Amino acid sequence: NAFFDGKPIFALILGGSFMILAGISVLFVR
């Protein structure tokens, strides 16, 4: 509501970005 005019499609874009961050963070796991 604050940044994307309530459009639910942007929730999927946010989700995709977080999934890529998860991939990068796994490199730091022992």
Full PDB file with SEQRES, HELIX, SHEET, SSBOND, CRYST1, ORIGX, SCALE, CONECT and MASTER records, all heavy atoms in Angstrom:
SEQRES   1 A   30  ASN ALA PHE PHE ASP GLY LYS PRO ILE PHE ALA LEU ILE          
SEQRES   2 A   30  LEU GLY GLY SER PHE MET ILE LEU ALA GLY ILE SER VAL          
SEQRES   3 A   30  LEU PHE VAL ARG                                              
HELIX    1 AA1 ILE A    9  SER A   25  1                                  17    
HELIX    2 AA2 VAL A   26  PHE A   28  5                                   3    
CRYST1    1.000    1.000    1.000  90.00  90.00  90.00 P 1           1          
ORIGX1      1.000000  0.000000  0.000000        0.00000                         
ORIGX2      0.000000  1.000000  0.000000        0.00000                         
ORIGX3      0.000000  0.000000  1.000000        0.00000                         
SCALE1      1.000000  0.000000  0.000000        0.00000                         
SCALE2      0.000000  1.000000  0.000000        0.00000                         
SCALE3      0.000000  0.000000  1.000000        0.00000                         
ATOM      1  N   ASN A   1       0.817  -1.218   0.000  1.00  0.00           N  
ATOM      2  CA  ASN A   1       0.000   0.000   0.000  1.00  0.00           C  
ATOM      3  C   ASN A   1       0.848   1.265   0.000  1.00  0.00           C  
ATOM      4  O   ASN A   1       0.490   2.272  -0.615  1.00  0.00           O  
ATOM      5  CB  ASN A   1      -0.933  -0.004   1.218  1.00  0.00           C  
ATOM      6  CG  ASN A   1      -2.069  -0.992   1.068  1.00  0.00           C  
ATOM      7  OD1 ASN A   1      -2.582  -1.213  -0.026  1.00  0.00           O  
ATOM      8  ND2 ASN A   1      -2.462  -1.623   2.162  1.00  0.00           N  
ATOM      9  N   ALA A   2       2.000   1.214   0.665  1.00  0.00           N  
ATOM     10  CA  ALA A   2       2.835   2.409   0.794  1.00  0.00           C  
ATOM     11  C   ALA A   2       3.642   2.707  -0.460  1.00  0.00           C  
ATOM     12  O   ALA A   2       3.824   3.877  -0.825  1.00  0.00           O  
ATOM     13  CB  ALA A   2       3.769   2.259   1.993  1.00  0.00           C  
ATOM     14  N   PHE A   3       4.095   1.660  -1.147  1.00  0.00           N  
ATOM     15  CA  PHE A   3       5.041   1.869  -2.247  1.00  0.00           C  
ATOM     16  C   PHE A   3       4.567   1.373  -3.609  1.00  0.00           C  
ATOM     17  O   PHE A   3       5.120   1.771  -4.635  1.00  0.00           O  
ATOM     18  CB  PHE A   3       6.386   1.194  -1.922  1.00  0.00           C  
ATOM     19  CG  PHE A   3       7.040   1.706  -0.673  1.00  0.00           C  
ATOM     20  CD1 PHE A   3       7.034   0.943   0.488  1.00  0.00           C  
ATOM     21  CD2 PHE A   3       7.634   2.957  -0.633  1.00  0.00           C  
ATOM     22  CE1 PHE A   3       7.633   1.406   1.640  1.00  0.00           C  
ATOM     23  CE2 PHE A   3       8.234   3.434   0.509  1.00  0.00           C  
ATOM     24  CZ  PHE A   3       8.231   2.662   1.663  1.00  0.00           C  
ATOM     25  N   PHE A   4       3.564   0.511  -3.638  1.00  0.00           N  
ATOM     26  CA  PHE A   4       3.191  -0.125  -4.905  1.00  0.00           C  
ATOM     27  C   PHE A   4       1.700  -0.021  -5.214  1.00  0.00           C  
ATOM     28  O   PHE A   4       1.148  -0.852  -5.949  1.00  0.00           O  
ATOM     29  CB  PHE A   4       3.626  -1.591  -4.899  1.00  0.00           C  
ATOM     30  CG  PHE A   4       5.095  -1.790  -4.644  1.00  0.00           C  
ATOM     31  CD1 PHE A   4       5.534  -2.310  -3.435  1.00  0.00           C  
ATOM     32  CD2 PHE A   4       6.042  -1.429  -5.599  1.00  0.00           C  
ATOM     33  CE1 PHE A   4       6.886  -2.486  -3.182  1.00  0.00           C  
ATOM     34  CE2 PHE A   4       7.398  -1.602  -5.354  1.00  0.00           C  
ATOM     35  CZ  PHE A   4       7.822  -2.135  -4.141  1.00  0.00           C  
ATOM     36  N   ASP A   5       1.043   0.976  -4.628  1.00  0.00           N  
ATOM     37  CA  ASP A   5      -0.368   1.247  -4.927  1.00  0.00           C  
ATOM     38  C   ASP A   5      -1.251   0.018  -4.689  1.00  0.00           C  
ATOM     39  O   ASP A   5      -2.258  -0.169  -5.358  1.00  0.00           O  
ATOM     40  CB  ASP A   5      -0.509   1.725  -6.381  1.00  0.00           C  
ATOM     41  CG  ASP A   5      -1.852   2.412  -6.631  1.00  0.00           C  
ATOM     42  OD1 ASP A   5      -2.414   2.991  -5.680  1.00  0.00           O  
ATOM     43  OD2 ASP A   5      -2.337   2.360  -7.777  1.00  0.00           O  
ATOM     44  N   GLY A   6      -0.851  -0.827  -3.748  1.00  0.00           N  
ATOM     45  CA  GLY A   6      -1.664  -1.986  -3.383  1.00  0.00           C  
ATOM     46  C   GLY A   6      -1.672  -3.103  -4.409  1.00  0.00           C  
ATOM     47  O   GLY A   6      -2.472  -4.033  -4.292  1.00  0.00           O  
ATOM     48  N   LYS A   7      -0.798  -3.059  -5.416  1.00  0.00           N  
ATOM     49  CA  LYS A   7      -0.790  -4.067  -6.479  1.00  0.00           C  
ATOM     50  C   LYS A   7      -0.092  -5.348  -5.998  1.00  0.00           C  
ATOM     51  O   LYS A   7       1.106  -5.345  -5.700  1.00  0.00           O  
ATOM     52  CB  LYS A   7      -0.067  -3.530  -7.713  1.00  0.00           C  
ATOM     53  CG  LYS A   7      -0.817  -2.418  -8.430  1.00  0.00           C  
ATOM     54  CD  LYS A   7      -2.102  -2.960  -9.060  1.00  0.00           C  
ATOM     55  CE  LYS A   7      -2.812  -1.902  -9.884  1.00  0.00           C  
ATOM     56  NZ  LYS A   7      -4.048  -2.457 -10.493  1.00  0.00           N  
ATOM     57  N   PRO A   8      -0.820  -6.467  -5.940  1.00  0.00           N  
ATOM     58  CA  PRO A   8      -0.233  -7.691  -5.379  1.00  0.00           C  
ATOM     59  C   PRO A   8       0.894  -8.286  -6.203  1.00  0.00           C  
ATOM     60  O   PRO A   8       1.700  -9.060  -5.677  1.00  0.00           O  
ATOM     61  CB  PRO A   8      -1.427  -8.649  -5.297  1.00  0.00           C  
ATOM     62  CG  PRO A   8      -2.438  -8.111  -6.267  1.00  0.00           C  
ATOM     63  CD  PRO A   8      -2.245  -6.633  -6.275  1.00  0.00           C  
ATOM     64  N   ILE A   9       1.008  -7.944  -7.484  1.00  0.00           N  
ATOM     65  CA  ILE A   9       2.072  -8.500  -8.316  1.00  0.00           C  
ATOM     66  C   ILE A   9       3.454  -8.138  -7.766  1.00  0.00           C  
ATOM     67  O   ILE A   9       4.423  -8.891  -7.915  1.00  0.00           O  
ATOM     68  CB  ILE A   9       1.928  -8.020  -9.782  1.00  0.00           C  
ATOM     69  CG1 ILE A   9       2.885  -8.781 -10.707  1.00  0.00           C  
ATOM     70  CG2 ILE A   9       2.158  -6.520  -9.883  1.00  0.00           C  
ATOM     71  CD1 ILE A   9       2.598 -10.232 -10.849  1.00  0.00           C  
ATOM     72  N   PHE A  10       3.541  -6.982  -7.080  1.00  0.00           N  
ATOM     73  CA  PHE A  10       4.840  -6.550  -6.553  1.00  0.00           C  
ATOM     74  C   PHE A  10       5.269  -7.381  -5.347  1.00  0.00           C  
ATOM     75  O   PHE A  10       6.458  -7.399  -4.999  1.00  0.00           O  
ATOM     76  CB  PHE A  10       4.806  -5.064  -6.219  1.00  0.00           C  
ATOM     77  CG  PHE A  10       4.775  -4.187  -7.446  1.00  0.00           C  
ATOM     78  CD1 PHE A  10       3.581  -3.670  -7.911  1.00  0.00           C  
ATOM     79  CD2 PHE A  10       5.931  -3.926  -8.151  1.00  0.00           C  
ATOM     80  CE1 PHE A  10       3.530  -2.891  -9.056  1.00  0.00           C  
ATOM     81  CE2 PHE A  10       5.903  -3.134  -9.296  1.00  0.00           C  
ATOM     82  CZ  PHE A  10       4.696  -2.621  -9.757  1.00  0.00           C  
ATOM     83  N   ALA A  11       4.336  -8.081  -4.708  1.00  0.00           N  
ATOM     84  CA  ALA A  11       4.717  -9.000  -3.642  1.00  0.00           C  
ATOM     85  C   ALA A  11       5.565 -10.138  -4.197  1.00  0.00           C  
ATOM     86  O   ALA A  11       6.488 -10.629  -3.527  1.00  0.00           O  
ATOM     87  CB  ALA A  11       3.469  -9.552  -2.948  1.00  0.00           C  
ATOM     88  N   LEU A  12       5.275 -10.552  -5.425  1.00  0.00           N  
ATOM     89  CA  LEU A  12       6.067 -11.612  -6.044  1.00  0.00           C  
ATOM     90  C   LEU A  12       7.463 -11.113  -6.406  1.00  0.00           C  
ATOM     91  O   LEU A  12       8.438 -11.865  -6.311  1.00  0.00           O  
ATOM     92  CB  LEU A  12       5.355 -12.143  -7.286  1.00  0.00           C  
ATOM     93  CG  LEU A  12       3.937 -12.704  -7.069  1.00  0.00           C  
ATOM     94  CD1 LEU A  12       3.421 -13.344  -8.352  1.00  0.00           C  
ATOM     95  CD2 LEU A  12       3.919 -13.705  -5.928  1.00  0.00           C  
ATOM     96  N   ILE A  13       7.564  -9.854  -6.824  1.00  0.00           N  
ATOM     97  CA  ILE A  13       8.889  -9.286  -7.120  1.00  0.00           C  
ATOM     98  C   ILE A  13       9.728  -9.203  -5.846  1.00  0.00           C  
ATOM     99  O   ILE A  13      10.915  -9.545  -5.834  1.00  0.00           O  
ATOM    100  CB  ILE A  13       8.741  -7.908  -7.778  1.00  0.00           C  
ATOM    101  CG1 ILE A  13       8.056  -8.050  -9.142  1.00  0.00           C  
ATOM    102  CG2 ILE A  13      10.103  -7.233  -7.919  1.00  0.00           C  
ATOM    103  CD1 ILE A  13       7.810  -6.734  -9.843  1.00  0.00           C  
ATOM    104  N   LEU A  14       9.100  -8.748  -4.750  1.00  0.00           N  
ATOM    105  CA  LEU A  14       9.816  -8.707  -3.475  1.00  0.00           C  
ATOM    106  C   LEU A  14      10.260 -10.115  -3.061  1.00  0.00           C  
ATOM    107  O   LEU A  14      11.392 -10.318  -2.609  1.00  0.00           O  
ATOM    108  CB  LEU A  14       8.917  -8.101  -2.387  1.00  0.00           C  
ATOM    109  CG  LEU A  14       8.676  -6.592  -2.455  1.00  0.00           C  
ATOM    110  CD1 LEU A  14       7.634  -6.194  -1.417  1.00  0.00           C  
ATOM    111  CD2 LEU A  14       9.970  -5.820  -2.217  1.00  0.00           C  
ATOM    112  N   GLY A  15       9.365 -11.076  -3.232  1.00  0.00           N  
ATOM    113  CA  GLY A  15       9.698 -12.442  -2.878  1.00  0.00           C  
ATOM    114  C   GLY A  15      10.867 -12.979  -3.686  1.00  0.00           C  
ATOM    115  O   GLY A  15      11.772 -13.633  -3.145  1.00  0.00           O  
ATOM    116  N   GLY A  16      10.870 -12.706  -4.977  1.00  0.00           N  
ATOM    117  CA  GLY A  16      11.973 -13.156  -5.813  1.00  0.00           C  
ATOM    118  C   GLY A  16      13.303 -12.545  -5.395  1.00  0.00           C  
ATOM    119  O   GLY A  16      14.340 -13.225  -5.393  1.00  0.00           O  
ATOM    120  N   SER A  17      13.281 -11.281  -5.028  1.00  0.00           N  
ATOM    121  CA  SER A  17      14.512 -10.616  -4.583  1.00  0.00           C  
ATOM    122  C   SER A  17      15.047 -11.244  -3.298  1.00  0.00           C  
ATOM    123  O   SER A  17      16.259 -11.449  -3.139  1.00  0.00           O  
ATOM    124  CB  SER A  17      14.236  -9.126  -4.358  1.00  0.00           C  
ATOM    125  OG  SER A  17      13.748  -8.519  -5.552  1.00  0.00           O  
ATOM    126  N   PHE A  18      14.134 -11.569  -2.379  1.00  0.00           N  
ATOM    127  CA  PHE A  18      14.556 -12.192  -1.126  1.00  0.00           C  
ATOM    128  C   PHE A  18      15.113 -13.589  -1.367  1.00  0.00           C  
ATOM    129  O   PHE A  18      16.037 -14.031  -0.677  1.00  0.00           O  
ATOM    130  CB  PHE A  18      13.383 -12.243  -0.141  1.00  0.00           C  
ATOM    131  CG  PHE A  18      13.283 -11.030   0.730  1.00  0.00           C  
ATOM    132  CD1 PHE A  18      12.922  -9.807   0.193  1.00  0.00           C  
ATOM    133  CD2 PHE A  18      13.556 -11.095   2.075  1.00  0.00           C  
ATOM    134  CE1 PHE A  18      12.835  -8.677   0.985  1.00  0.00           C  
ATOM    135  CE2 PHE A  18      13.479  -9.973   2.889  1.00  0.00           C  
ATOM    136  CZ  PHE A  18      13.117  -8.760   2.342  1.00  0.00           C  
ATOM    137  N   MET A  19      14.574 -14.302  -2.360  1.00  0.00           N  
ATOM    138  CA  MET A  19      15.072 -15.647  -2.628  1.00  0.00           C  
ATOM    139  C   MET A  19      16.504 -15.600  -3.165  1.00  0.00           C  
ATOM    140  O   MET A  19      17.340 -16.444  -2.832  1.00  0.00           O  
ATOM    141  CB  MET A  19      14.145 -16.376  -3.604  1.00  0.00           C  
ATOM    142  CG  MET A  19      14.386 -17.869  -3.651  1.00  0.00           C  
ATOM    143  SD  MET A  19      13.065 -18.793  -4.486  1.00  0.00           S  
ATOM    144  CE  MET A  19      11.797 -18.812  -3.229  1.00  0.00           C  
ATOM    145  N   ILE A  20      16.806 -14.609  -3.981  1.00  0.00           N  
ATOM    146  CA  ILE A  20      18.177 -14.452  -4.470  1.00  0.00           C  
ATOM    147  C   ILE A  20      19.116 -14.107  -3.309  1.00  0.00           C  
ATOM    148  O   ILE A  20      20.247 -14.609  -3.235  1.00  0.00           O  
ATOM    149  CB  ILE A  20      18.223 -13.377  -5.569  1.00  0.00           C  
ATOM    150  CG1 ILE A  20      17.469 -13.882  -6.817  1.00  0.00           C  
ATOM    151  CG2 ILE A  20      19.669 -13.026  -5.917  1.00  0.00           C  
ATOM    152  CD1 ILE A  20      17.274 -12.836  -7.889  1.00  0.00           C  
ATOM    153  N   LEU A  21      18.661 -13.267  -2.377  1.00  0.00           N  
ATOM    154  CA  LEU A  21      19.465 -12.966  -1.193  1.00  0.00           C  
ATOM    155  C   LEU A  21      19.746 -14.228  -0.374  1.00  0.00           C  
ATOM    156  O   LEU A  21      20.835 -14.397   0.181  1.00  0.00           O  
ATOM    157  CB  LEU A  21      18.754 -11.927  -0.319  1.00  0.00           C  
ATOM    158  CG  LEU A  21      18.787 -10.484  -0.804  1.00  0.00           C  
ATOM    159  CD1 LEU A  21      17.921  -9.606   0.098  1.00  0.00           C  
ATOM    160  CD2 LEU A  21      20.223  -9.951  -0.828  1.00  0.00           C  
ATOM    161  N   ALA A  22      18.752 -15.109  -0.300  1.00  0.00           N  
ATOM    162  CA  ALA A  22      18.948 -16.372   0.415  1.00  0.00           C  
ATOM    163  C   ALA A  22      20.056 -17.186  -0.234  1.00  0.00           C  
ATOM    164  O   ALA A  22      20.891 -17.794   0.452  1.00  0.00           O  
ATOM    165  CB  ALA A  22      17.642 -17.167   0.439  1.00  0.00           C  
ATOM    166  N   GLY A  23      20.072 -17.213  -1.568  1.00  0.00           N  
ATOM    167  CA  GLY A  23      21.112 -17.948  -2.276  1.00  0.00           C  
ATOM    168  C   GLY A  23      22.500 -17.408  -1.989  1.00  0.00           C  
ATOM    169  O   GLY A  23      23.456 -18.171  -1.785  1.00  0.00           O  
ATOM    170  N   ILE A  24      22.619 -16.094  -1.958  1.00  0.00           N  
ATOM    171  CA  ILE A  24      23.922 -15.492  -1.668  1.00  0.00           C  
ATOM    172  C   ILE A  24      24.358 -15.804  -0.238  1.00  0.00           C  
ATOM    173  O   ILE A  24      25.523 -16.127   0.028  1.00  0.00           O  
ATOM    174  CB  ILE A  24      23.861 -13.969  -1.903  1.00  0.00           C  
ATOM    175  CG1 ILE A  24      23.601 -13.676  -3.395  1.00  0.00           C  
ATOM    176  CG2 ILE A  24      25.142 -13.288  -1.427  1.00  0.00           C  
ATOM    177  CD1 ILE A  24      23.291 -12.220  -3.689  1.00  0.00           C  
ATOM    178  N   SER A  25      23.407 -15.763   0.704  1.00  0.00           N  
ATOM    179  CA  SER A  25      23.763 -15.947   2.115  1.00  0.00           C  
ATOM    180  C   SER A  25      24.204 -17.373   2.424  1.00  0.00           C  
ATOM    181  O   SER A  25      24.928 -17.599   3.409  1.00  0.00           O  
ATOM    182  CB  SER A  25      22.580 -15.553   3.018  1.00  0.00           C  
ATOM    183  OG  SER A  25      21.449 -16.371   2.776  1.00  0.00           O  
ATOM    184  N   VAL A  26      23.797 -18.356   1.607  1.00  0.00           N  
ATOM    185  CA  VAL A  26      24.198 -19.740   1.891  1.00  0.00           C  
ATOM    186  C   VAL A  26      25.708 -19.926   1.724  1.00  0.00           C  
ATOM    187  O   VAL A  26      26.303 -20.838   2.313  1.00  0.00           O  
ATOM    188  CB  VAL A  26      23.421 -20.731   0.990  1.00  0.00           C  
ATOM    189  CG1 VAL A  26      23.989 -20.785  -0.419  1.00  0.00           C  
ATOM    190  CG2 VAL A  26      23.420 -22.136   1.593  1.00  0.00           C  
ATOM    191  N   LEU A  27      26.341 -19.060   0.963  1.00  0.00           N  
ATOM    192  CA  LEU A  27      27.795 -19.167   0.776  1.00  0.00           C  
ATOM    193  C   LEU A  27      28.565 -18.915   2.073  1.00  0.00           C  
ATOM    194  O   LEU A  27      29.734 -19.290   2.190  1.00  0.00           O  
ATOM    195  CB  LEU A  27      28.262 -18.189  -0.304  1.00  0.00           C  
ATOM    196  CG  LEU A  27      27.703 -18.428  -1.717  1.00  0.00           C  
ATOM    197  CD1 LEU A  27      28.185 -17.334  -2.658  1.00  0.00           C  
ATOM    198  CD2 LEU A  27      28.107 -19.801  -2.233  1.00  0.00           C  
ATOM    199  N   PHE A  28      27.918 -18.296   3.045  1.00  0.00           N  
ATOM    200  CA  PHE A  28      28.581 -17.971   4.310  1.00  0.00           C  
ATOM    201  C   PHE A  28      28.351 -19.031   5.381  1.00  0.00           C  
ATOM    202  O   PHE A  28      28.803 -18.878   6.518  1.00  0.00           O  
ATOM    203  CB  PHE A  28      28.100 -16.612   4.815  1.00  0.00           C  
ATOM    204  CG  PHE A  28      28.422 -15.476   3.883  1.00  0.00           C  
ATOM    205  CD1 PHE A  28      27.495 -15.044   2.940  1.00  0.00           C  
ATOM    206  CD2 PHE A  28      29.663 -14.859   3.924  1.00  0.00           C  
ATOM    207  CE1 PHE A  28      27.792 -14.012   2.059  1.00  0.00           C  
ATOM    208  CE2 PHE A  28      29.977 -13.828   3.050  1.00  0.00           C  
ATOM    209  CZ  PHE A  28      29.040 -13.405   2.113  1.00  0.00           C  
ATOM    210  N   VAL A  29      27.638 -20.113   5.016  1.00  0.00           N  
ATOM    211  CA  VAL A  29      27.363 -21.181   5.963  1.00  0.00           C  
ATOM    212  C   VAL A  29      28.524 -22.164   5.979  1.00  0.00           C  
ATOM    213  O   VAL A  29      28.990 -22.592   4.924  1.00  0.00           O  
ATOM    214  CB  VAL A  29      26.060 -21.934   5.601  1.00  0.00           C  
ATOM    215  CG1 VAL A  29      25.845 -23.130   6.526  1.00  0.00           C  
ATOM    216  CG2 VAL A  29      24.864 -20.994   5.657  1.00  0.00           C  
ATOM    217  N   ARG A  30      28.981 -22.528   7.159  1.00  0.00           N  
ATOM    218  CA  ARG A  30      30.002 -23.557   7.287  1.00  0.00           C  
ATOM    219  C   ARG A  30      29.332 -24.909   7.115  1.00  0.00           C  
ATOM    220  O   ARG A  30      28.391 -25.248   7.826  1.00  0.00           O  
ATOM    221  CB  ARG A  30      30.690 -23.479   8.644  1.00  0.00           C  
ATOM    222  CG  ARG A  30      31.514 -22.221   8.826  1.00  0.00           C  
ATOM    223  CD  ARG A  30      32.346 -22.290  10.084  1.00  0.00           C  
ATOM    224  NE  ARG A  30      33.278 -23.427  10.049  1.00  0.00           N  
ATOM    225  CZ  ARG A  30      34.136 -23.696  11.037  1.00  0.00           C  
ATOM    226  NH1 ARG A  30      34.174 -22.922  12.107  1.00  0.00           N  
ATOM    227  NH2 ARG A  30      34.940 -24.732  10.952  1.00  0.00           N  
TER     228      ARG A  30                                                      
MASTER        0    0    0    2    0    0    0    6  227    1    0    3          
END                                                                             
